[in-house]
C-alpha atoms as a PDB file:
ATOM      1  CA  UNK A   1      -6.726  -2.343  12.975  1.00  0.00           C
ATOM      2  CA  UNK A   2      -5.743  -2.999   9.393  1.00  0.00           C
ATOM      3  CA  UNK A   3      -8.266  -2.546   6.602  1.00  0.00           C
ATOM      4  CA  UNK A   4      -8.013  -4.593   3.408  1.00  0.00           C
ATOM      5  CA  UNK A   5      -9.902  -3.559   0.287  1.00  0.00           C
ATOM      6  CA  UNK A   6     -10.050  -5.915  -2.692  1.00  0.00           C
ATOM      7  CA  UNK A   7     -10.839  -4.875  -6.246  1.00  0.00           C
ATOM      8  CA  UNK A   8     -10.688  -6.261  -9.758  1.00  0.00           C
ATOM      9  CA  UNK A   9     -13.294  -8.995  -9.659  1.00  0.00           C
ATOM     10  CA  UNK A  10     -15.983  -9.405 -12.285  1.00  0.00           C
ATOM     11  CA  UNK A  11     -17.442 -11.581 -14.995  1.00  0.00           C
ATOM     12  CA  UNK A  12     -15.072 -13.145 -17.525  1.00  0.00           C
ATOM     13  CA  UNK A  13     -15.375 -15.842 -20.165  1.00  0.00           C
ATOM     14  CA  UNK A  14     -13.519 -19.147 -19.829  1.00  0.00           C
ATOM     15  CA  UNK A  15      -9.928 -18.708 -20.912  1.00  0.00           C
ATOM     16  CA  UNK A  16      -9.943 -15.047 -19.963  1.00  0.00           C
ATOM     17  CA  UNK A  17      -7.895 -13.115 -17.426  1.00  0.00           C
ATOM     18  CA  UNK A  18      -8.471 -10.924 -14.391  1.00  0.00           C
ATOM     19  CA  UNK A  19      -6.165  -9.103 -12.007  1.00  0.00           C
ATOM     20  CA  UNK A  20      -7.187  -8.728  -8.382  1.00  0.00           C
ATOM     21  CA  UNK A  21      -5.719  -6.113  -6.064  1.00  0.00           C
ATOM     22  CA  UNK A  22      -5.820  -5.794  -2.281  1.00  0.00           C
ATOM     23  CA  UNK A  23      -4.777  -2.545  -0.641  1.00  0.00           C
ATOM     24  CA  UNK A  24      -3.919  -2.491   3.053  1.00  0.00           C
ATOM     25  CA  UNK A  25      -4.272   0.599   5.231  1.00  0.00           C
ATOM     26  CA  UNK A  26      -4.620   1.575   8.854  1.00  0.00           C
ATOM     27  CA  UNK A  27      -2.397   0.449  11.720  1.00  0.00           C
ATOM     28  CA  UNK A  28       0.425  -1.150   9.743  1.00  0.00           C
ATOM     29  CA  UNK A  29       3.589  -2.068  11.617  1.00  0.00           C
ATOM     30  CA  UNK A  30       4.965  -4.781   9.386  1.00  0.00           C
ATOM     31  CA  UNK A  31       2.789  -7.043   7.277  1.00  0.00           C
ATOM     32  CA  UNK A  32       4.116 -10.574   7.130  1.00  0.00           C
ATOM     33  CA  UNK A  33       2.537 -13.200   4.866  1.00  0.00           C
ATOM     34  CA  UNK A  34      -0.241 -12.087   2.539  1.00  0.00           C
ATOM     35  CA  UNK A  35      -2.558 -14.500   0.793  1.00  0.00           C
ATOM     36  CA  UNK A  36      -5.575 -14.969  -1.433  1.00  0.00           C
ATOM     37  CA  UNK A  37      -8.350 -17.362  -0.454  1.00  0.00           C
ATOM     38  CA  UNK A  38     -11.542 -18.192  -2.267  1.00  0.00           C
ATOM     39  CA  UNK A  39     -14.906 -19.589  -1.346  1.00  0.00           C
ATOM     40  CA  UNK A  40     -17.509 -20.990  -3.686  1.00  0.00           C
ATOM     41  CA  UNK A  41     -21.125 -21.550  -2.559  1.00  0.00           C
ATOM     42  CA  UNK A  42     -21.411 -24.559  -0.278  1.00  0.00           C
ATOM     43  CA  UNK A  43     -17.644 -25.087  -0.225  1.00  0.00           C
ATOM     44  CA  UNK A  44     -15.121 -24.415   2.526  1.00  0.00           C
ATOM     45  CA  UNK A  45     -12.845 -21.429   2.046  1.00  0.00           C
ATOM     46  CA  UNK A  46      -9.569 -22.540   0.483  1.00  0.00           C
ATOM     47  CA  UNK A  47      -6.096 -21.099   0.076  1.00  0.00           C
ATOM     48  CA  UNK A  48      -5.330 -20.020  -3.481  1.00  0.00           C
ATOM     49  CA  UNK A  49      -1.852 -18.523  -3.091  1.00  0.00           C
ATOM     50  CA  UNK A  50       0.384 -16.943  -0.465  1.00  0.00           C
ATOM     51  CA  UNK A  51       3.496 -14.781  -0.525  1.00  0.00           C
ATOM     52  CA  UNK A  52       6.075 -13.874   2.100  1.00  0.00           C
ATOM     53  CA  UNK A  53       7.533 -10.370   2.493  1.00  0.00           C
ATOM     54  CA  UNK A  54      10.612 -11.583   0.627  1.00  0.00           C
ATOM     55  CA  UNK A  55       8.588 -12.924  -2.291  1.00  0.00           C
ATOM     56  CA  UNK A  56       8.470 -16.654  -1.567  1.00  0.00           C
ATOM     57  CA  UNK A  57       5.241 -17.978  -3.037  1.00  0.00           C
ATOM     58  CA  UNK A  58       2.968 -20.949  -2.512  1.00  0.00           C
ATOM     59  CA  UNK A  59       0.074 -22.023  -4.759  1.00  0.00           C
ATOM     60  CA  UNK A  60      -2.802 -24.438  -4.639  1.00  0.00           C
ATOM     61  CA  UNK A  61      -2.304 -27.230  -7.154  1.00  0.00           C
ATOM     62  CA  UNK A  62      -5.479 -26.214  -8.963  1.00  0.00           C
ATOM     63  CA  UNK A  63      -4.059 -22.795  -9.931  1.00  0.00           C
ATOM     64  CA  UNK A  64      -0.369 -23.545 -10.487  1.00  0.00           C
ATOM     65  CA  UNK A  65       0.804 -22.282 -13.858  1.00  0.00           C
ATOM     66  CA  UNK A  66      -2.284 -20.085 -14.299  1.00  0.00           C
ATOM     67  CA  UNK A  67      -2.257 -17.675 -11.351  1.00  0.00           C
ATOM     68  CA  UNK A  68       0.561 -15.422 -10.162  1.00  0.00           C
ATOM     69  CA  UNK A  69       0.644 -13.762  -6.758  1.00  0.00           C
ATOM     70  CA  UNK A  70       2.778 -10.676  -6.152  1.00  0.00           C
ATOM     71  CA  UNK A  71       3.040  -7.799  -3.694  1.00  0.00           C
ATOM     72  CA  UNK A  72       4.341  -4.251  -3.478  1.00  0.00           C
ATOM     73  CA  UNK A  73       5.648  -3.830   0.055  1.00  0.00           C
ATOM     74  CA  UNK A  74       6.042  -0.059  -0.295  1.00  0.00           C
ATOM     75  CA  UNK A  75       2.382   0.299  -1.217  1.00  0.00           C
ATOM     76  CA  UNK A  76       1.183  -2.503   1.098  1.00  0.00           C
ATOM     77  CA  UNK A  77      -0.687  -3.944  -1.858  1.00  0.00           C
ATOM     78  CA  UNK A  78      -1.243  -7.544  -2.893  1.00  0.00           C
ATOM     79  CA  UNK A  79      -2.050  -8.738  -6.401  1.00  0.00           C
ATOM     80  CA  UNK A  80      -3.334 -11.889  -8.074  1.00  0.00           C
ATOM     81  CA  UNK A  81      -2.987 -12.242 -11.825  1.00  0.00           C
ATOM     82  CA  UNK A  82      -5.389 -14.919 -13.002  1.00  0.00           C
ATOM     83  CA  UNK A  83      -5.007 -16.319 -16.512  1.00  0.00           C
ATOM     84  CA  UNK A  84      -6.700 -19.171 -18.363  1.00  0.00           C
ATOM     85  CA  UNK A  85      -9.673 -18.900 -16.057  1.00  0.00           C
ATOM     86  CA  UNK A  86     -12.039 -21.841 -15.751  1.00  0.00           C
ATOM     87  CA  UNK A  87     -15.667 -22.026 -14.573  1.00  0.00           C
ATOM     88  CA  UNK A  88     -14.455 -23.826 -11.449  1.00  0.00           C
ATOM     89  CA  UNK A  89     -12.487 -20.700 -10.488  1.00  0.00           C
ATOM     90  CA  UNK A  90     -15.808 -18.975  -9.825  1.00  0.00           C
ATOM     91  CA  UNK A  91     -15.869 -17.877  -6.189  1.00  0.00           C
ATOM     92  CA  UNK A  92     -15.592 -14.943  -3.839  1.00  0.00           C
ATOM     93  CA  UNK A  93     -11.910 -14.120  -3.480  1.00  0.00           C
ATOM     94  CA  UNK A  94     -10.619 -12.839  -0.151  1.00  0.00           C
ATOM     95  CA  UNK A  95      -7.368 -11.148   0.757  1.00  0.00           C
ATOM     96  CA  UNK A  96      -5.680 -12.008   4.060  1.00  0.00           C
ATOM     97  CA  UNK A  97      -2.798 -10.229   5.765  1.00  0.00           C
ATOM     98  CA  UNK A  98      -0.868 -11.419   8.799  1.00  0.00           C
ATOM     99  CA  UNK A  99       0.805  -8.985  11.150  1.00  0.00           C
ATOM    100  CA  UNK A 100       2.495 -11.156  13.749  1.00  0.00           C
ATOM    101  CA  UNK A 101       1.111 -10.826  17.244  1.00  0.00           C
ATOM    102  CA  UNK A 102      -1.241  -8.070  16.073  1.00  0.00           C
ATOM    103  CA  UNK A 103      -3.311 -10.707  14.303  1.00  0.00           C
ATOM    104  CA  UNK A 104      -4.750 -11.637  10.938  1.00  0.00           C
ATOM    105  CA  UNK A 105      -6.961  -9.438   8.818  1.00  0.00           C
ATOM    106  CA  UNK A 106      -9.433 -10.204   6.021  1.00  0.00           C
ATOM    107  CA  UNK A 107     -10.894  -8.160   3.221  1.00  0.00           C
ATOM    108  CA  UNK A 108     -14.578  -8.082   2.377  1.00  0.00           C
ATOM    109  CA  UNK A 109     -14.159 -10.228  -0.727  1.00  0.00           C
ATOM    110  CA  UNK A 110     -14.587  -9.695  -4.454  1.00  0.00           C
ATOM    111  CA  UNK A 111     -16.707 -11.866  -6.727  1.00  0.00           C
ATOM    112  CA  UNK A 112     -15.086 -13.632  -9.659  1.00  0.00           C
ATOM    113  CA  UNK A 113     -17.442 -15.330 -12.098  1.00  0.00           C
ATOM    114  CA  UNK A 114     -16.158 -17.363 -15.033  1.00  0.00           C
ATOM    115  CA  UNK A 115     -18.945 -18.121 -17.472  1.00  0.00           C
ATOM    116  CA  UNK A 116     -19.795 -17.972 -21.143  1.00  0.00           C
END
């Protein structure tokens, strides 16, 4: 099993910034794609951004130019730098890690609230 622990969420005003982190531990062989998802109340969970082990990234249109995903493969840690935050970015943010045939793993989520 792989455990994922997110941190860095909180309350921020519109236009502000937050940096989320996700630390992986446990039975790690080789983590493949890592990603951030988010889920607002009453809305289906959606992909925010993903990154391959080599650093190839993919973003949802709604966050392009504002969010930056990165990872430290030596530390098995994933990051999400969120700038110019908007009220519609309010959601629980989840980290996901894929480890080939061993499966996919999810963190417990961290709340991000953008409000004045």
